[in-house]
Amino acid sequence: MATEWHTVDREEVFVLQDGRMLMEMADQMHELTPGDAAIAAPGVPFRLRNPAAVAARLTVCTSKGIRGTVNGETIDPPWAQ
């Protein structure tokens, strides 16, 4: 399972609690294992992907008012308002 490629207008920090995740950012891939953190920089295309059959659990931190762009459409996540 993977998210759509998207960008954000503010930093987004991901900390993996359980499982395994791959974070693809532009042309780089980073593997996350429990305890690892990754930062999505504003304006840099990225997606998250779980390559395993078991669920992963992560914590995401960002700023109030963050906006994302997915498939050319800007979204205002209700949880960030």
N, C-alpha and C. Protein backbone atom coordinates (compact mmCIF):
# COMPACT_ATOMS: atom_id res chain seq x y z
N MET A 1 0.84 -1.17 0.00
CA MET A 1 0.00 0.00 0.00
C MET A 1 0.89 1.24 0.00
N ALA A 2 0.47 2.26 -0.75
CA ALA A 2 1.27 3.48 -0.84
C ALA A 2 0.35 4.69 -0.92
N THR A 3 0.86 5.81 -0.47
CA THR A 3 0.14 7.07 -0.63
C THR A 3 0.35 7.56 -2.06
N GLU A 4 -0.44 8.52 -2.48
CA GLU A 4 -0.21 9.19 -3.76
C GLU A 4 1.02 10.08 -3.62
N TRP A 5 1.72 10.33 -4.73
CA TRP A 5 2.77 11.34 -4.72
C TRP A 5 2.11 12.67 -4.40
N HIS A 6 2.72 13.42 -3.50
CA HIS A 6 2.15 14.72 -3.14
C HIS A 6 3.22 15.63 -2.56
N THR A 7 2.87 16.89 -2.37
CA THR A 7 3.75 17.85 -1.72
C THR A 7 2.97 18.50 -0.58
N VAL A 8 3.72 19.10 0.33
CA VAL A 8 3.13 19.88 1.43
C VAL A 8 3.80 21.24 1.45
N ASP A 9 3.12 22.23 2.05
CA ASP A 9 3.69 23.58 2.06
C ASP A 9 4.43 23.90 3.36
N ARG A 10 4.48 22.93 4.28
CA ARG A 10 5.22 23.07 5.54
C ARG A 10 5.87 21.73 5.84
N GLU A 11 6.89 21.74 6.68
CA GLU A 11 7.52 20.47 7.05
C GLU A 11 6.53 19.52 7.67
N GLU A 12 6.73 18.25 7.38
CA GLU A 12 5.96 17.18 7.99
C GLU A 12 6.98 16.16 8.50
N VAL A 13 6.88 15.78 9.76
CA VAL A 13 7.84 14.86 10.38
C VAL A 13 7.12 13.54 10.67
N PHE A 14 7.75 12.45 10.26
CA PHE A 14 7.20 11.11 10.45
C PHE A 14 8.14 10.33 11.36
N VAL A 15 7.59 9.66 12.38
CA VAL A 15 8.37 8.81 13.27
C VAL A 15 7.71 7.43 13.25
N LEU A 16 8.46 6.42 12.81
CA LEU A 16 7.91 5.07 12.71
C LEU A 16 7.92 4.40 14.07
N GLN A 17 6.76 3.92 14.49
CA GLN A 17 6.62 3.23 15.77
C GLN A 17 6.78 1.72 15.61
N ASP A 18 6.07 1.14 14.63
CA ASP A 18 6.09 -0.30 14.39
C ASP A 18 6.09 -0.57 12.90
N GLY A 19 6.67 -1.68 12.50
CA GLY A 19 6.64 -2.10 11.11
C GLY A 19 7.81 -1.55 10.32
N ARG A 20 7.56 -1.37 9.03
CA ARG A 20 8.59 -0.90 8.11
C ARG A 20 7.92 -0.01 7.08
N MET A 21 8.55 1.09 6.71
CA MET A 21 8.01 2.00 5.70
C MET A 21 9.13 2.43 4.77
N LEU A 22 8.77 2.72 3.55
CA LEU A 22 9.68 3.32 2.59
C LEU A 22 9.17 4.72 2.32
N MET A 23 10.05 5.69 2.38
CA MET A 23 9.69 7.07 2.06
C MET A 23 10.45 7.44 0.79
N GLU A 24 9.70 7.70 -0.26
CA GLU A 24 10.28 8.10 -1.52
C GLU A 24 10.15 9.62 -1.63
N MET A 25 11.29 10.29 -1.81
CA MET A 25 11.31 11.74 -1.90
C MET A 25 12.08 12.12 -3.16
N ALA A 26 11.35 12.70 -4.12
CA ALA A 26 11.94 13.06 -5.41
C ALA A 26 12.57 11.81 -5.99
N ASP A 27 13.90 11.73 -6.08
CA ASP A 27 14.55 10.56 -6.66
C ASP A 27 15.30 9.73 -5.62
N GLN A 28 14.96 9.89 -4.34
CA GLN A 28 15.64 9.14 -3.27
C GLN A 28 14.64 8.25 -2.53
N MET A 29 15.13 7.10 -2.02
CA MET A 29 14.30 6.21 -1.23
C MET A 29 14.97 6.01 0.11
N HIS A 30 14.18 6.13 1.18
CA HIS A 30 14.68 5.95 2.54
C HIS A 30 13.85 4.87 3.22
N GLU A 31 14.52 3.87 3.78
CA GLU A 31 13.81 2.83 4.51
C GLU A 31 13.75 3.22 5.98
N LEU A 32 12.55 3.15 6.55
CA LEU A 32 12.36 3.48 7.97
C LEU A 32 12.08 2.21 8.74
N THR A 33 12.75 2.07 9.87
CA THR A 33 12.49 0.98 10.80
C THR A 33 12.09 1.63 12.14
N PRO A 34 11.50 0.88 13.07
CA PRO A 34 11.02 1.48 14.31
C PRO A 34 12.05 2.39 14.98
N GLY A 35 11.60 3.59 15.32
CA GLY A 35 12.45 4.60 15.96
C GLY A 35 13.03 5.60 14.98
N ASP A 36 12.99 5.29 13.67
CA ASP A 36 13.50 6.23 12.67
C ASP A 36 12.52 7.38 12.43
N ALA A 37 13.08 8.50 12.05
CA ALA A 37 12.27 9.67 11.71
C ALA A 37 12.67 10.15 10.32
N ALA A 38 11.71 10.75 9.63
CA ALA A 38 11.96 11.33 8.31
C ALA A 38 11.20 12.65 8.21
N ILE A 39 11.76 13.57 7.46
CA ILE A 39 11.13 14.88 7.29
C ILE A 39 10.80 15.09 5.82
N ALA A 40 9.55 15.44 5.56
CA ALA A 40 9.13 15.84 4.22
C ALA A 40 9.27 17.36 4.16
N ALA A 41 10.14 17.82 3.29
CA ALA A 41 10.39 19.26 3.15
C ALA A 41 9.31 19.90 2.28
N PRO A 42 8.99 21.16 2.54
CA PRO A 42 7.98 21.85 1.73
C PRO A 42 8.34 21.84 0.25
N GLY A 43 7.33 21.51 -0.57
CA GLY A 43 7.50 21.57 -2.01
C GLY A 43 8.21 20.39 -2.66
N VAL A 44 8.70 19.43 -1.87
CA VAL A 44 9.40 18.28 -2.42
C VAL A 44 8.42 17.11 -2.56
N PRO A 45 8.22 16.59 -3.77
CA PRO A 45 7.28 15.47 -3.95
C PRO A 45 7.73 14.24 -3.16
N PHE A 46 6.77 13.59 -2.50
CA PHE A 46 7.08 12.38 -1.74
C PHE A 46 5.86 11.49 -1.65
N ARG A 47 6.14 10.23 -1.28
CA ARG A 47 5.07 9.30 -0.93
C ARG A 47 5.63 8.30 0.06
N LEU A 48 4.73 7.70 0.82
CA LEU A 48 5.07 6.66 1.78
C LEU A 48 4.53 5.33 1.28
N ARG A 49 5.31 4.27 1.51
CA ARG A 49 4.88 2.96 1.04
C ARG A 49 5.23 1.92 2.09
N ASN A 50 4.28 1.02 2.35
CA ASN A 50 4.52 -0.09 3.26
C ASN A 50 4.78 -1.33 2.41
N PRO A 51 6.02 -1.81 2.36
CA PRO A 51 6.35 -2.95 1.51
C PRO A 51 6.03 -4.30 2.17
N ALA A 52 5.60 -4.29 3.41
CA ALA A 52 5.39 -5.53 4.16
C ALA A 52 3.91 -5.91 4.20
N ALA A 53 3.66 -7.16 4.55
CA ALA A 53 2.29 -7.65 4.67
C ALA A 53 1.65 -7.25 6.01
N VAL A 54 2.47 -6.81 6.96
CA VAL A 54 1.94 -6.40 8.27
C VAL A 54 1.79 -4.88 8.31
N ALA A 55 0.87 -4.42 9.11
CA ALA A 55 0.61 -2.98 9.24
C ALA A 55 1.80 -2.27 9.88
N ALA A 56 1.98 -1.03 9.49
CA ALA A 56 2.98 -0.16 10.11
C ALA A 56 2.23 0.92 10.89
N ARG A 57 2.89 1.45 11.91
CA ARG A 57 2.28 2.52 12.71
C ARG A 57 3.29 3.63 12.83
N LEU A 58 2.86 4.84 12.48
CA LEU A 58 3.76 5.99 12.60
C LEU A 58 3.03 7.20 13.14
N THR A 59 3.82 8.10 13.71
CA THR A 59 3.31 9.37 14.22
C THR A 59 3.73 10.45 13.24
N VAL A 60 2.79 11.34 12.94
CA VAL A 60 3.06 12.43 12.01
C VAL A 60 2.86 13.75 12.75
N CYS A 61 3.84 14.65 12.63
CA CYS A 61 3.77 15.96 13.27
C CYS A 61 3.96 17.03 12.20
N THR A 62 3.17 18.09 12.29
CA THR A 62 3.29 19.20 11.35
C THR A 62 2.72 20.46 11.99
N SER A 63 2.64 21.51 11.22
CA SER A 63 2.13 22.78 11.71
C SER A 63 0.65 22.94 11.38
N LYS A 64 -0.04 23.66 12.22
CA LYS A 64 -1.43 23.99 11.95
C LYS A 64 -1.52 24.74 10.63
N GLY A 65 -2.51 24.38 9.82
CA GLY A 65 -2.73 25.08 8.57
C GLY A 65 -1.98 24.52 7.37
N ILE A 66 -1.32 23.37 7.54
CA ILE A 66 -0.58 22.78 6.42
C ILE A 66 -1.53 22.52 5.25
N ARG A 67 -1.01 22.72 4.05
CA ARG A 67 -1.78 22.45 2.82
C ARG A 67 -0.99 21.44 2.01
N GLY A 68 -1.71 20.56 1.35
CA GLY A 68 -1.07 19.57 0.50
C GLY A 68 -1.54 19.72 -0.93
N THR A 69 -0.75 19.21 -1.85
CA THR A 69 -1.14 19.19 -3.25
C THR A 69 -0.98 17.76 -3.75
N VAL A 70 -2.11 17.20 -4.21
CA VAL A 70 -2.17 15.83 -4.70
C VAL A 70 -2.79 15.87 -6.09
N ASN A 71 -2.08 15.32 -7.08
CA ASN A 71 -2.58 15.29 -8.46
C ASN A 71 -3.02 16.68 -8.93
N GLY A 72 -2.27 17.71 -8.58
CA GLY A 72 -2.56 19.07 -9.00
C GLY A 72 -3.66 19.77 -8.22
N GLU A 73 -4.26 19.08 -7.27
CA GLU A 73 -5.34 19.66 -6.46
C GLU A 73 -4.83 19.99 -5.06
N THR A 74 -5.04 21.23 -4.62
CA THR A 74 -4.63 21.65 -3.29
C THR A 74 -5.70 21.26 -2.29
N ILE A 75 -5.27 20.68 -1.18
CA ILE A 75 -6.21 20.27 -0.15
C ILE A 75 -5.82 20.89 1.20
N ASP A 76 -6.83 21.15 2.01
CA ASP A 76 -6.65 21.64 3.37
C ASP A 76 -7.16 20.54 4.29
N PRO A 77 -6.26 19.70 4.81
CA PRO A 77 -6.73 18.59 5.67
C PRO A 77 -7.50 19.14 6.87
N PRO A 78 -8.68 18.61 7.14
CA PRO A 78 -9.49 19.11 8.26
C PRO A 78 -8.79 18.97 9.61
N TRP A 79 -7.93 17.95 9.76
CA TRP A 79 -7.22 17.75 11.02
C TRP A 79 -6.13 18.77 11.25
N ALA A 80 -5.78 19.55 10.22
CA ALA A 80 -4.70 20.54 10.35
C ALA A 80 -5.22 21.96 10.51
N GLN A 81 -6.51 22.12 10.63
CA GLN A 81 -7.10 23.47 10.74
C GLN A 81 -7.19 23.92 12.18
